[in-house]
Amino acid sequence: MPYLAIGDALVRLCRGNKIAIILRLIEERRHSMLIDGAFRAMAMLRLVPSEEEMSRILDYAASLSVNDGNRFWIVAACPGWPASTTERFLEDTANSTRTDVHEAILLAQSGKYKVWHPL
């Protein structure tokens, strides 16, 4: 849990480009719980990356299992992202066996955010 909280805090406390912190964590393949915390912050802050940043995040997500918690938080962040960019990712993620992932997918496809209570 401490790593998750640190990942969340890194994003929330960043005064510059918050997405740059997330990209740095995934590119350096930092501790998976740090990345989890960063993605949680991205979803809860409703951050909308640039097209290039989205592409890099979705490429990372494609390397994860459809049941991976990090993939869930990327789905939860998607409602404000362009549907044309996320459509394929959401379709692939629909193979998940997790009900929370399916709920997040439906919300993302509808362009609606949810207030998640992860703790």
PDB file of N, CA and C in Angstrom:
ATOM      1  N   MET A   1       0.801  -1.212   0.000  1.00  0.00           N
ATOM      2  CA  MET A   1       0.000   0.000   0.000  1.00  0.00           C
ATOM      3  C   MET A   1       0.846   1.280   0.000  1.00  0.00           C
ATOM      4  N   PRO A   2       1.998   1.291   0.668  1.00  0.00           N
ATOM      5  CA  PRO A   2       2.780   2.527   0.634  1.00  0.00           C
ATOM      6  C   PRO A   2       3.188   2.925  -0.785  1.00  0.00           C
ATOM      7  N   TYR A   3       3.546   1.942  -1.625  1.00  0.00           N
ATOM      8  CA  TYR A   3       3.926   2.252  -3.001  1.00  0.00           C
ATOM      9  C   TYR A   3       2.749   2.834  -3.783  1.00  0.00           C
ATOM     10  N   LEU A   4       1.573   2.281  -3.564  1.00  0.00           N
ATOM     11  CA  LEU A   4       0.379   2.789  -4.228  1.00  0.00           C
ATOM     12  C   LEU A   4       0.145   4.251  -3.847  1.00  0.00           C
ATOM     13  N   ALA A   5       0.252   4.550  -2.549  1.00  0.00           N
ATOM     14  CA  ALA A   5       0.053   5.922  -2.074  1.00  0.00           C
ATOM     15  C   ALA A   5       1.116   6.864  -2.637  1.00  0.00           C
ATOM     16  N   ILE A   6       2.342   6.378  -2.745  1.00  0.00           N
ATOM     17  CA  ILE A   6       3.418   7.213  -3.291  1.00  0.00           C
ATOM     18  C   ILE A   6       3.161   7.509  -4.772  1.00  0.00           C
ATOM     19  N   GLY A   7       2.761   6.490  -5.537  1.00  0.00           N
ATOM     20  CA  GLY A   7       2.446   6.703  -6.955  1.00  0.00           C
ATOM     21  C   GLY A   7       1.332   7.719  -7.135  1.00  0.00           C
ATOM     22  N   ASP A   8       0.296   7.617  -6.314  1.00  0.00           N
ATOM     23  CA  ASP A   8      -0.819   8.564  -6.340  1.00  0.00           C
ATOM     24  C   ASP A   8      -0.318   9.970  -6.007  1.00  0.00           C
ATOM     25  N   ALA A   9       0.470  10.077  -4.952  1.00  0.00           N
ATOM     26  CA  ALA A   9       0.970  11.385  -4.516  1.00  0.00           C
ATOM     27  C   ALA A   9       1.889  12.023  -5.550  1.00  0.00           C
ATOM     28  N   LEU A  10       2.723  11.226  -6.208  1.00  0.00           N
ATOM     29  CA  LEU A  10       3.613  11.776  -7.231  1.00  0.00           C
ATOM     30  C   LEU A  10       2.824  12.517  -8.306  1.00  0.00           C
ATOM     31  N   VAL A  11       1.720  11.928  -8.717  1.00  0.00           N
ATOM     32  CA  VAL A  11       0.898  12.545  -9.760  1.00  0.00           C
ATOM     33  C   VAL A  11       0.157  13.762  -9.209  1.00  0.00           C
ATOM     34  N   ARG A  12      -0.475  13.600  -8.071  1.00  0.00           N
ATOM     35  CA  ARG A  12      -1.275  14.697  -7.507  1.00  0.00           C
ATOM     36  C   ARG A  12      -0.446  15.921  -7.140  1.00  0.00           C
ATOM     37  N   LEU A  13       0.772  15.702  -6.656  1.00  0.00           N
ATOM     38  CA  LEU A  13       1.593  16.824  -6.195  1.00  0.00           C
ATOM     39  C   LEU A  13       2.430  17.471  -7.289  1.00  0.00           C
ATOM     40  N   CYS A  14       2.466  16.854  -8.451  1.00  0.00           N
ATOM     41  CA  CYS A  14       3.227  17.399  -9.576  1.00  0.00           C
ATOM     42  C   CYS A  14       2.618  18.725 -10.021  1.00  0.00           C
ATOM     43  N   ARG A  15       3.448  19.751 -10.137  1.00  0.00           N
ATOM     44  CA  ARG A  15       2.970  21.069 -10.576  1.00  0.00           C
ATOM     45  C   ARG A  15       3.004  21.208 -12.096  1.00  0.00           C
ATOM     46  N   GLY A  16       3.756  20.345 -12.749  1.00  0.00           N
ATOM     47  CA  GLY A  16       3.875  20.395 -14.205  1.00  0.00           C
ATOM     48  C   GLY A  16       2.937  19.413 -14.864  1.00  0.00           C
ATOM     49  N   ASN A  17       3.433  18.767 -15.883  1.00  0.00           N
ATOM     50  CA  ASN A  17       2.658  17.796 -16.643  1.00  0.00           C
ATOM     51  C   ASN A  17       2.527  16.495 -15.842  1.00  0.00           C
ATOM     52  N   LYS A  18       1.361  16.267 -15.284  1.00  0.00           N
ATOM     53  CA  LYS A  18       1.112  15.085 -14.457  1.00  0.00           C
ATOM     54  C   LYS A  18       1.251  13.789 -15.259  1.00  0.00           C
ATOM     55  N   ILE A  19       0.880  13.828 -16.511  1.00  0.00           N
ATOM     56  CA  ILE A  19       0.980  12.642 -17.362  1.00  0.00           C
ATOM     57  C   ILE A  19       2.441  12.257 -17.577  1.00  0.00           C
ATOM     58  N   ALA A  20       3.333  13.244 -17.594  1.00  0.00           N
ATOM     59  CA  ALA A  20       4.762  12.958 -17.767  1.00  0.00           C
ATOM     60  C   ALA A  20       5.278  12.069 -16.639  1.00  0.00           C
ATOM     61  N   ILE A  21       4.777  12.265 -15.444  1.00  0.00           N
ATOM     62  CA  ILE A  21       5.177  11.419 -14.303  1.00  0.00           C
ATOM     63  C   ILE A  21       4.737   9.986 -14.561  1.00  0.00           C
ATOM     64  N   ILE A  22       3.500   9.817 -15.016  1.00  0.00           N
ATOM     65  CA  ILE A  22       2.957   8.482 -15.286  1.00  0.00           C
ATOM     66  C   ILE A  22       3.791   7.798 -16.372  1.00  0.00           C
ATOM     67  N   LEU A  23       4.074   8.524 -17.441  1.00  0.00           N
ATOM     68  CA  LEU A  23       4.858   7.948 -18.537  1.00  0.00           C
ATOM     69  C   LEU A  23       6.252   7.549 -18.075  1.00  0.00           C
ATOM     70  N   ARG A  24       6.840   8.357 -17.230  1.00  0.00           N
ATOM     71  CA  ARG A  24       8.174   8.023 -16.723  1.00  0.00           C
ATOM     72  C   ARG A  24       8.128   6.731 -15.908  1.00  0.00           C
ATOM     73  N   LEU A  25       7.105   6.581 -15.072  1.00  0.00           N
ATOM     74  CA  LEU A  25       6.987   5.367 -14.264  1.00  0.00           C
ATOM     75  C   LEU A  25       6.816   4.125 -15.131  1.00  0.00           C
ATOM     76  N   ILE A  26       5.974   4.228 -16.172  1.00  0.00           N
ATOM     77  CA  ILE A  26       5.751   3.034 -16.992  1.00  0.00           C
ATOM     78  C   ILE A  26       6.936   2.746 -17.905  1.00  0.00           C
ATOM     79  N   GLU A  27       7.612   3.779 -18.384  1.00  0.00           N
ATOM     80  CA  GLU A  27       8.775   3.571 -19.247  1.00  0.00           C
ATOM     81  C   GLU A  27       9.932   2.954 -18.475  1.00  0.00           C
ATOM     82  N   GLU A  28      10.080   3.344 -17.232  1.00  0.00           N
ATOM     83  CA  GLU A  28      11.164   2.803 -16.411  1.00  0.00           C
ATOM     84  C   GLU A  28      10.752   1.492 -15.749  1.00  0.00           C
ATOM     85  N   ARG A  29       9.514   1.077 -15.994  1.00  0.00           N
ATOM     86  CA  ARG A  29       8.987  -0.167 -15.409  1.00  0.00           C
ATOM     87  C   ARG A  29       9.209  -0.194 -13.902  1.00  0.00           C
ATOM     88  N   ARG A  30       8.855   0.927 -13.284  1.00  0.00           N
ATOM     89  CA  ARG A  30       8.970   1.043 -11.835  1.00  0.00           C
ATOM     90  C   ARG A  30       8.055   0.029 -11.160  1.00  0.00           C
ATOM     91  N   HIS A  31       8.114  -0.017  -9.871  1.00  0.00           N
ATOM     92  CA  HIS A  31       7.299  -0.930  -9.067  1.00  0.00           C
ATOM     93  C   HIS A  31       5.839  -0.857  -9.528  1.00  0.00           C
ATOM     94  N   SER A  32       5.209  -2.006  -9.743  1.00  0.00           N
ATOM     95  CA  SER A  32       3.846  -2.035 -10.294  1.00  0.00           C
ATOM     96  C   SER A  32       2.841  -1.299  -9.408  1.00  0.00           C
ATOM     97  N   MET A  33       3.072  -1.273  -8.109  1.00  0.00           N
ATOM     98  CA  MET A  33       2.143  -0.557  -7.231  1.00  0.00           C
ATOM     99  C   MET A  33       2.313   0.959  -7.346  1.00  0.00           C
ATOM    100  N   LEU A  34       3.520   1.432  -7.669  1.00  0.00           N
ATOM    101  CA  LEU A  34       3.708   2.860  -7.949  1.00  0.00           C
ATOM    102  C   LEU A  34       2.892   3.249  -9.178  1.00  0.00           C
ATOM    103  N   ILE A  35       2.974   2.406 -10.194  1.00  0.00           N
ATOM    104  CA  ILE A  35       2.231   2.655 -11.431  1.00  0.00           C
ATOM    105  C   ILE A  35       0.730   2.602 -11.152  1.00  0.00           C
ATOM    106  N   ASP A  36       0.303   1.647 -10.349  1.00  0.00           N
ATOM    107  CA  ASP A  36      -1.112   1.531  -9.970  1.00  0.00           C
ATOM    108  C   ASP A  36      -1.589   2.830  -9.332  1.00  0.00           C
ATOM    109  N   GLY A  37      -0.825   3.349  -8.382  1.00  0.00           N
ATOM    110  CA  GLY A  37      -1.200   4.595  -7.720  1.00  0.00           C
ATOM    111  C   GLY A  37      -1.270   5.763  -8.688  1.00  0.00           C
ATOM    112  N   ALA A  38      -0.336   5.799  -9.626  1.00  0.00           N
ATOM    113  CA  ALA A  38      -0.334   6.874 -10.622  1.00  0.00           C
ATOM    114  C   ALA A  38      -1.566   6.794 -11.518  1.00  0.00           C
ATOM    115  N   PHE A  39      -1.932   5.580 -11.941  1.00  0.00           N
ATOM    116  CA  PHE A  39      -3.127   5.426 -12.772  1.00  0.00           C
ATOM    117  C   PHE A  39      -4.398   5.744 -11.994  1.00  0.00           C
ATOM    118  N   ARG A  40      -4.436   5.396 -10.713  1.00  0.00           N
ATOM    119  CA  ARG A  40      -5.597   5.747  -9.884  1.00  0.00           C
ATOM    120  C   ARG A  40      -5.767   7.263  -9.834  1.00  0.00           C
ATOM    121  N   ALA A  41      -4.660   7.959  -9.621  1.00  0.00           N
ATOM    122  CA  ALA A  41      -4.725   9.424  -9.593  1.00  0.00           C
ATOM    123  C   ALA A  41      -5.189   9.967 -10.933  1.00  0.00           C
ATOM    124  N   MET A  42      -4.671   9.403 -12.026  1.00  0.00           N
ATOM    125  CA  MET A  42      -5.073   9.844 -13.366  1.00  0.00           C
ATOM    126  C   MET A  42      -6.593   9.709 -13.530  1.00  0.00           C
ATOM    127  N   ALA A  43      -7.140   8.583 -13.097  1.00  0.00           N
ATOM    128  CA  ALA A  43      -8.581   8.351 -13.228  1.00  0.00           C
ATOM    129  C   ALA A  43      -9.383   9.287 -12.325  1.00  0.00           C
ATOM    130  N   MET A  44      -8.963   9.400 -11.089  1.00  0.00           N
ATOM    131  CA  MET A  44      -9.736  10.208 -10.140  1.00  0.00           C
ATOM    132  C   MET A  44      -9.623  11.702 -10.412  1.00  0.00           C
ATOM    133  N   LEU A  45      -8.507  12.129 -10.995  1.00  0.00           N
ATOM    134  CA  LEU A  45      -8.345  13.540 -11.364  1.00  0.00           C
ATOM    135  C   LEU A  45      -8.916  13.833 -12.748  1.00  0.00           C
ATOM    136  N   ARG A  46      -9.359  12.784 -13.429  1.00  0.00           N
ATOM    137  CA  ARG A  46      -9.953  12.898 -14.769  1.00  0.00           C
ATOM    138  C   ARG A  46      -9.003  13.584 -15.754  1.00  0.00           C
ATOM    139  N   LEU A  47      -7.763  13.141 -15.724  1.00  0.00           N
ATOM    140  CA  LEU A  47      -6.751  13.712 -16.602  1.00  0.00           C
ATOM    141  C   LEU A  47      -6.957  13.223 -18.035  1.00  0.00           C
ATOM    142  N   VAL A  48      -6.795  14.125 -18.970  1.00  0.00           N
ATOM    143  CA  VAL A  48      -6.908  13.782 -20.386  1.00  0.00           C
ATOM    144  C   VAL A  48      -5.551  14.040 -21.038  1.00  0.00           C
ATOM    145  N   PRO A  49      -4.824  12.963 -21.320  1.00  0.00           N
ATOM    146  CA  PRO A  49      -3.508  13.110 -21.951  1.00  0.00           C
ATOM    147  C   PRO A  49      -3.623  13.583 -23.392  1.00  0.00           C
ATOM    148  N   SER A  50      -2.493  14.014 -23.936  1.00  0.00           N
ATOM    149  CA  SER A  50      -2.439  14.340 -25.360  1.00  0.00           C
ATOM    150  C   SER A  50      -2.584  13.038 -26.149  1.00  0.00           C
ATOM    151  N   GLU A  51      -2.793  13.142 -27.454  1.00  0.00           N
ATOM    152  CA  GLU A  51      -2.922  11.950 -28.300  1.00  0.00           C
ATOM    153  C   GLU A  51      -1.698  11.051 -28.185  1.00  0.00           C
ATOM    154  N   GLU A  52      -0.510  11.653 -28.230  1.00  0.00           N
ATOM    155  CA  GLU A  52       0.724  10.869 -28.123  1.00  0.00           C
ATOM    156  C   GLU A  52       0.819  10.185 -26.759  1.00  0.00           C
ATOM    157  N   GLU A  53       0.483  10.906 -25.705  1.00  0.00           N
ATOM    158  CA  GLU A  53       0.527  10.331 -24.357  1.00  0.00           C
ATOM    159  C   GLU A  53      -0.482   9.196 -24.207  1.00  0.00           C
ATOM    160  N   MET A  54      -1.681   9.400 -24.762  1.00  0.00           N
ATOM    161  CA  MET A  54      -2.701   8.338 -24.727  1.00  0.00           C
ATOM    162  C   MET A  54      -2.183   7.092 -25.411  1.00  0.00           C
ATOM    163  N   SER A  55      -1.564   7.289 -26.558  1.00  0.00           N
ATOM    164  CA  SER A  55      -1.030   6.165 -27.315  1.00  0.00           C
ATOM    165  C   SER A  55      -0.008   5.386 -26.493  1.00  0.00           C
ATOM    166  N   ARG A  56       0.867   6.086 -25.813  1.00  0.00           N
ATOM    167  CA  ARG A  56       1.883   5.424 -24.998  1.00  0.00           C
ATOM    168  C   ARG A  56       1.263   4.698 -23.810  1.00  0.00           C
ATOM    169  N   ILE A  57       0.262   5.294 -23.200  1.00  0.00           N
ATOM    170  CA  ILE A  57      -0.421   4.652 -22.071  1.00  0.00           C
ATOM    171  C   ILE A  57      -1.172   3.414 -22.546  1.00  0.00           C
ATOM    172  N   LEU A  58      -1.859   3.526 -23.674  1.00  0.00           N
ATOM    173  CA  LEU A  58      -2.623   2.389 -24.198  1.00  0.00           C
ATOM    174  C   LEU A  58      -1.697   1.278 -24.695  1.00  0.00           C
ATOM    175  N   ASP A  59      -0.534   1.630 -25.214  1.00  0.00           N
ATOM    176  CA  ASP A  59       0.453   0.612 -25.587  1.00  0.00           C
ATOM    177  C   ASP A  59       0.908  -0.162 -24.355  1.00  0.00           C
ATOM    178  N   TYR A  60       1.142   0.558 -23.272  1.00  0.00           N
ATOM    179  CA  TYR A  60       1.512  -0.103 -22.016  1.00  0.00           C
ATOM    180  C   TYR A  60       0.372  -1.013 -21.552  1.00  0.00           C
ATOM    181  N   ALA A  61      -0.842  -0.506 -21.600  1.00  0.00           N
ATOM    182  CA  ALA A  61      -2.006  -1.281 -21.153  1.00  0.00           C
ATOM    183  C   ALA A  61      -2.152  -2.566 -21.953  1.00  0.00           C
ATOM    184  N   ALA A  62      -1.832  -2.514 -23.232  1.00  0.00           N
ATOM    185  CA  ALA A  62      -1.954  -3.694 -24.091  1.00  0.00           C
ATOM    186  C   ALA A  62      -1.014  -4.811 -23.649  1.00  0.00           C
ATOM    187  N   SER A  63       0.042  -4.465 -22.923  1.00  0.00           N
ATOM    188  CA  SER A  63       0.983  -5.478 -22.440  1.00  0.00           C
ATOM    189  C   SER A  63       0.500  -6.156 -21.160  1.00  0.00           C
ATOM    190  N   LEU A  64      -0.597  -5.664 -20.607  1.00  0.00           N
ATOM    191  CA  LEU A  64      -1.118  -6.189 -19.348  1.00  0.00           C
ATOM    192  C   LEU A  64      -2.260  -7.165 -19.588  1.00  0.00           C
ATOM    193  N   SER A  65      -2.470  -8.038 -18.643  1.00  0.00           N
ATOM    194  CA  SER A  65      -3.627  -8.933 -18.677  1.00  0.00           C
ATOM    195  C   SER A  65      -4.903  -8.092 -18.624  1.00  0.00           C
ATOM    196  N   VAL A  66      -5.965  -8.573 -19.255  1.00  0.00           N
ATOM    197  CA  VAL A  66      -7.236  -7.837 -19.215  1.00  0.00           C
ATOM    198  C   VAL A  66      -7.806  -7.774 -17.804  1.00  0.00           C
ATOM    199  N   ASN A  67      -7.302  -8.588 -16.896  1.00  0.00           N
ATOM    200  CA  ASN A  67      -7.763  -8.581 -15.508  1.00  0.00           C
ATOM    201  C   ASN A  67      -6.829  -7.813 -14.573  1.00  0.00           C
ATOM    202  N   ASP A  68      -5.793  -7.207 -15.113  1.00  0.00           N
ATOM    203  CA  ASP A  68      -4.819  -6.469 -14.320  1.00  0.00           C
ATOM    204  C   ASP A  68      -5.444  -5.199 -13.747  1.00  0.00           C
ATOM    205  N   GLY A  69      -5.151  -4.922 -12.490  1.00  0.00           N
ATOM    206  CA  GLY A  69      -5.685  -3.731 -11.836  1.00  0.00           C
ATOM    207  C   GLY A  69      -5.259  -2.436 -12.493  1.00  0.00           C
ATOM    208  N   ASN A  70      -4.042  -2.395 -13.021  1.00  0.00           N
ATOM    209  CA  ASN A  70      -3.593  -1.185 -13.720  1.00  0.00           C
ATOM    210  C   ASN A  70      -4.435  -0.929 -14.961  1.00  0.00           C
ATOM    211  N   ARG A  71      -4.813  -1.978 -15.631  1.00  0.00           N
ATOM    212  CA  ARG A  71      -5.647  -1.830 -16.828  1.00  0.00           C
ATOM    213  C   ARG A  71      -7.025  -1.276 -16.434  1.00  0.00           C
ATOM    214  N   PHE A  72      -7.542  -1.739 -15.295  1.00  0.00           N
ATOM    215  CA  PHE A  72      -8.824  -1.216 -14.813  1.00  0.00           C
ATOM    216  C   PHE A  72      -8.761   0.303 -14.655  1.00  0.00           C
ATOM    217  N   TRP A  73      -7.700   0.815 -14.022  1.00  0.00           N
ATOM    218  CA  TRP A  73      -7.627   2.250 -13.765  1.00  0.00           C
ATOM    219  C   TRP A  73      -7.463   3.054 -15.048  1.00  0.00           C
ATOM    220  N   ILE A  74      -6.847   2.467 -16.047  1.00  0.00           N
ATOM    221  CA  ILE A  74      -6.770   3.159 -17.340  1.00  0.00           C
ATOM    222  C   ILE A  74      -8.168   3.245 -17.945  1.00  0.00           C
ATOM    223  N   VAL A  75      -8.931   2.169 -17.861  1.00  0.00           N
ATOM    224  CA  VAL A  75     -10.328   2.197 -18.341  1.00  0.00           C
ATOM    225  C   VAL A  75     -11.112   3.263 -17.580  1.00  0.00           C
ATOM    226  N   ALA A  76     -10.932   3.318 -16.270  1.00  0.00           N
ATOM    227  CA  ALA A  76     -11.660   4.293 -15.448  1.00  0.00           C
ATOM    228  C   ALA A  76     -11.310   5.735 -15.818  1.00  0.00           C
ATOM    229  N   ALA A  77     -10.124   5.943 -16.395  1.00  0.00           N
ATOM    230  CA  ALA A  77      -9.702   7.285 -16.811  1.00  0.00           C
ATOM    231  C   ALA A  77     -10.216   7.664 -18.195  1.00  0.00           C
ATOM    232  N   CYS A  78     -10.689   6.701 -18.970  1.00  0.00           N
ATOM    233  CA  CYS A  78     -11.027   6.901 -20.388  1.00  0.00           C
ATOM    234  C   CYS A  78     -12.271   7.737 -20.722  1.00  0.00           C
ATOM    235  N   PRO A  79     -13.229   7.947 -19.844  1.00  0.00           N
ATOM    236  CA  PRO A  79     -14.433   8.657 -20.291  1.00  0.00           C
ATOM    237  C   PRO A  79     -14.195  10.007 -20.960  1.00  0.00           C
ATOM    238  N   GLY A  80     -13.163  10.732 -20.571  1.00  0.00           N
ATOM    239  CA  GLY A  80     -12.887  12.031 -21.184  1.00  0.00           C
ATOM    240  C   GLY A  80     -11.968  11.972 -22.384  1.00  0.00           C
ATOM    241  N   TRP A  81     -11.518  10.774 -22.726  1.00  0.00           N
ATOM    242  CA  TRP A  81     -10.613  10.603 -23.856  1.00  0.00           C
ATOM    243  C   TRP A  81     -11.432  10.383 -25.118  1.00  0.00           C
ATOM    244  N   PRO A  82     -10.906  10.726 -26.289  1.00  0.00           N
ATOM    245  CA  PRO A  82     -11.651  10.524 -27.535  1.00  0.00           C
ATOM    246  C   PRO A  82     -11.982   9.041 -27.760  1.00  0.00           C
ATOM    247  N   ALA A  83     -13.229   8.766 -28.083  1.00  0.00           N
ATOM    248  CA  ALA A  83     -13.681   7.386 -28.305  1.00  0.00           C
ATOM    249  C   ALA A  83     -12.890   6.724 -29.428  1.00  0.00           C
ATOM    250  N   SER A  84     -12.516   7.497 -30.433  1.00  0.00           N
ATOM    251  CA  SER A  84     -11.761   6.928 -31.551  1.00  0.00           C
ATOM    252  C   SER A  84     -10.406   6.386 -31.099  1.00  0.00           C
ATOM    253  N   THR A  85      -9.859   6.951 -30.033  1.00  0.00           N
ATOM    254  CA  THR A  85      -8.566   6.519 -29.514  1.00  0.00           C
ATOM    255  C   THR A  85      -8.703   5.307 -28.601  1.00  0.00           C
ATOM    256  N   THR A  86      -9.795   5.237 -27.858  1.00  0.00           N
ATOM    257  CA  THR A  86      -9.943   4.194 -26.836  1.00  0.00           C
ATOM    258  C   THR A  86     -10.787   3.001 -27.263  1.00  0.00           C
ATOM    259  N   GLU A  87     -11.466   3.100 -28.388  1.00  0.00           N
ATOM    260  CA  GLU A  87     -12.413   2.057 -28.801  1.00  0.00           C
ATOM    261  C   GLU A  87     -11.790   0.660 -28.816  1.00  0.00           C
ATOM    262  N   ARG A  88     -10.679   0.507 -29.484  1.00  0.00           N
ATOM    263  CA  ARG A  88     -10.023  -0.809 -29.598  1.00  0.00           C
ATOM    264  C   ARG A  88      -9.587  -1.327 -28.228  1.00  0.00           C
ATOM    265  N   PHE A  89      -8.999  -0.445 -27.423  1.00  0.00           N
ATOM    266  CA  PHE A  89      -8.557  -0.808 -26.078  1.00  0.00           C
ATOM    267  C   PHE A  89      -9.732  -1.300 -25.226  1.00  0.00           C
ATOM    268  N   LEU A  90     -10.850  -0.587 -25.286  1.00  0.00           N
ATOM    269  CA  LEU A  90     -12.017  -0.981 -24.494  1.00  0.00           C
ATOM    270  C   LEU A  90     -12.600  -2.303 -24.993  1.00  0.00           C
ATOM    271  N   GLU A  91     -12.611  -2.504 -26.299  1.00  0.00           N
ATOM    272  CA  GLU A  91     -13.092  -3.775 -26.860  1.00  0.00           C
ATOM    273  C   GLU A  91     -12.218  -4.939 -26.389  1.00  0.00           C
ATOM    274  N   ASP A  92     -10.911  -4.750 -26.417  1.00  0.00           N
ATOM    275  CA  ASP A  92      -9.992  -5.802 -25.965  1.00  0.00           C
ATOM    276  C   ASP A  92     -10.168  -6.086 -24.468  1.00  0.00           C
ATOM    277  N   THR A  93     -10.351  -5.027 -23.711  1.00  0.00           N
ATOM    278  CA  THR A  93     -10.485  -5.160 -22.259  1.00  0.00           C
ATOM    279  C   THR A  93     -11.812  -5.818 -21.879  1.00  0.00           C
ATOM    280  N   ALA A  94     -12.779  -5.794 -22.763  1.00  0.00           N
ATOM    281  CA  ALA A  94     -14.076  -6.426 -22.482  1.00  0.00           C
ATOM    282  C   ALA A  94     -13.946  -7.931 -22.282  1.00  0.00           C
ATOM    283  N   ASN A  95     -12.804  -8.510 -22.599  1.00  0.00           N
ATOM    284  CA  ASN A  95     -12.567  -9.932 -22.356  1.00  0.00           C
ATOM    285  C   ASN A  95     -12.251 -10.224 -20.890  1.00  0.00           C
ATOM    286  N   SER A  96     -12.200  -9.196 -20.076  1.00  0.00           N
ATOM    287  CA  SER A  96     -11.922  -9.362 -18.655  1.00  0.00           C
ATOM    288  C   SER A  96     -13.056 -10.130 -17.970  1.00  0.00           C
ATOM    289  N   THR A  97     -12.700 -10.831 -16.913  1.00  0.00           N
ATOM    290  CA  THR A  97     -13.705 -11.545 -16.113  1.00  0.00           C
ATOM    291  C   THR A  97     -14.155 -10.709 -14.914  1.00  0.00           C
ATOM    292  N   ARG A  98     -13.601  -9.526 -14.763  1.00  0.00           N
ATOM    293  CA  ARG A  98     -13.917  -8.669 -13.610  1.00  0.00           C
ATOM    294  C   ARG A  98     -15.154  -7.816 -13.888  1.00  0.00           C
ATOM    295  N   THR A  99     -16.096  -7.836 -12.975  1.00  0.00           N
ATOM    296  CA  THR A  99     -17.319  -7.044 -13.145  1.00  0.00           C
ATOM    297  C   THR A  99     -17.034  -5.548 -13.037  1.00  0.00           C
ATOM    298  N   ASP A 100     -16.065  -5.146 -12.198  1.00  0.00           N
ATOM    299  CA  ASP A 100     -15.750  -3.723 -12.081  1.00  0.00           C
ATOM    300  C   ASP A 100     -15.162  -3.186 -13.387  1.00  0.00           C
ATOM    301  N   VAL A 101     -14.431  -4.015 -14.094  1.00  0.00           N
ATOM    302  CA  VAL A 101     -13.878  -3.610 -15.387  1.00  0.00           C
ATOM    303  C   VAL A 101     -15.010  -3.396 -16.386  1.00  0.00           C
ATOM    304  N   HIS A 102     -15.983  -4.291 -16.399  1.00  0.00           N
ATOM    305  CA  HIS A 102     -17.117  -4.145 -17.322  1.00  0.00           C
ATOM    306  C   HIS A 102     -17.934  -2.889 -17.011  1.00  0.00           C
ATOM    307  N   GLU A 103     -18.095  -2.585 -15.730  1.00  0.00           N
ATOM    308  CA  GLU A 103     -18.797  -1.353 -15.352  1.00  0.00           C
ATOM    309  C   GLU A 103     -18.020  -0.136 -15.844  1.00  0.00           C
ATOM    310  N   ALA A 104     -16.703  -0.153 -15.658  1.00  0.00           N
ATOM    311  CA  ALA A 104     -15.865   0.967 -16.104  1.00  0.00           C
ATOM    312  C   ALA A 104     -15.894   1.119 -17.623  1.00  0.00           C
ATOM    313  N   ILE A 105     -15.928  -0.002 -18.336  1.00  0.00           N
ATOM    314  CA  ILE A 105     -15.994   0.051 -19.801  1.00  0.00           C
ATOM    315  C   ILE A 105     -17.286   0.723 -20.252  1.00  0.00           C
ATOM    316  N   LEU A 106     -18.413   0.328 -19.673  1.00  0.00           N
ATOM    317  CA  LEU A 106     -19.697   0.937 -20.036  1.00  0.00           C
ATOM    318  C   LEU A 106     -19.702   2.435 -19.770  1.00  0.00           C
ATOM    319  N   LEU A 107     -19.141   2.827 -18.645  1.00  0.00           N
ATOM    320  CA  LEU A 107     -19.055   4.258 -18.332  1.00  0.00           C
ATOM    321  C   LEU A 107     -18.156   4.983 -19.331  1.00  0.00           C
ATOM    322  N   ALA A 108     -17.010   4.385 -19.647  1.00  0.00           N
ATOM    323  CA  ALA A 108     -16.080   5.013 -20.604  1.00  0.00           C
ATOM    324  C   ALA A 108     -16.735   5.176 -21.970  1.00  0.00           C
ATOM    325  N   GLN A 109     -17.457   4.145 -22.405  1.00  0.00           N
ATOM    326  CA  GLN A 109     -18.126   4.219 -23.705  1.00  0.00           C
ATOM    327  C   GLN A 109     -19.239   5.263 -23.712  1.00  0.00           C
ATOM    328  N   SER A 110     -19.792   5.549 -22.538  1.00  0.00           N
ATOM    329  CA  SER A 110     -20.837   6.574 -22.428  1.00  0.00           C
ATOM    330  C   SER A 110     -20.261   7.956 -22.156  1.00  0.00           C
ATOM    331  N   GLY A 111     -18.946   8.027 -21.947  1.00  0.00           N
ATOM    332  CA  GLY A 111     -18.311   9.306 -21.650  1.00  0.00           C
ATOM    333  C   GLY A 111     -18.628   9.812 -20.260  1.00  0.00           C
ATOM    334  N   LYS A 112     -18.930   8.894 -19.335  1.00  0.00           N
ATOM    335  CA  LYS A 112     -19.314   9.285 -17.967  1.00  0.00           C
ATOM    336  C   LYS A 112     -18.278   8.802 -16.961  1.00  0.00           C
ATOM    337  N   TYR A 113     -17.860   9.724 -16.125  1.00  0.00           N
ATOM    338  CA  TYR A 113     -16.949   9.378 -15.057  1.00  0.00           C
ATOM    339  C   TYR A 113     -17.757   8.899 -13.847  1.00  0.00           C
ATOM    340  N   LYS A 114     -17.116   8.098 -13.024  1.00  0.00           N
ATOM    341  CA  LYS A 114     -17.697   7.651 -11.763  1.00  0.00           C
ATOM    342  C   LYS A 114     -16.738   8.069 -10.652  1.00  0.00           C
ATOM    343  N   VAL A 115     -17.276   8.347  -9.498  1.00  0.00           N
ATOM    344  CA  VAL A 115     -16.433   8.602  -8.343  1.00  0.00           C
ATOM    345  C   VAL A 115     -16.122   7.247  -7.739  1.00  0.00           C
ATOM    346  N   TRP A 116     -14.876   6.798  -7.953  1.00  0.00           N
ATOM    347  CA  TRP A 116     -14.453   5.496  -7.467  1.00  0.00           C
ATOM    348  C   TRP A 116     -13.969   5.630  -6.026  1.00  0.00           C
ATOM    349  N   HIS A 117     -14.228   4.616  -5.229  1.00  0.00           N
ATOM    350  CA  HIS A 117     -13.784   4.582  -3.830  1.00  0.00           C
ATOM    351  C   HIS A 117     -12.891   3.360  -3.658  1.00  0.00           C
ATOM    352  N   PRO A 118     -11.609   3.504  -4.058  1.00  0.00           N
ATOM    353  CA  PRO A 118     -10.731   2.336  -4.104  1.00  0.00           C
ATOM    354  C   PRO A 118     -10.226   1.855  -2.741  1.00  0.00           C
ATOM    355  N   LEU A 119     -10.305   2.662  -1.713  1.00  0.00           N
ATOM    356  CA  LEU A 119      -9.749   2.233  -0.417  1.00  0.00           C
ATOM    357  C   LEU A 119     -10.840   2.030   0.614  1.00  0.00           C
TER     358      LEU A 119
END
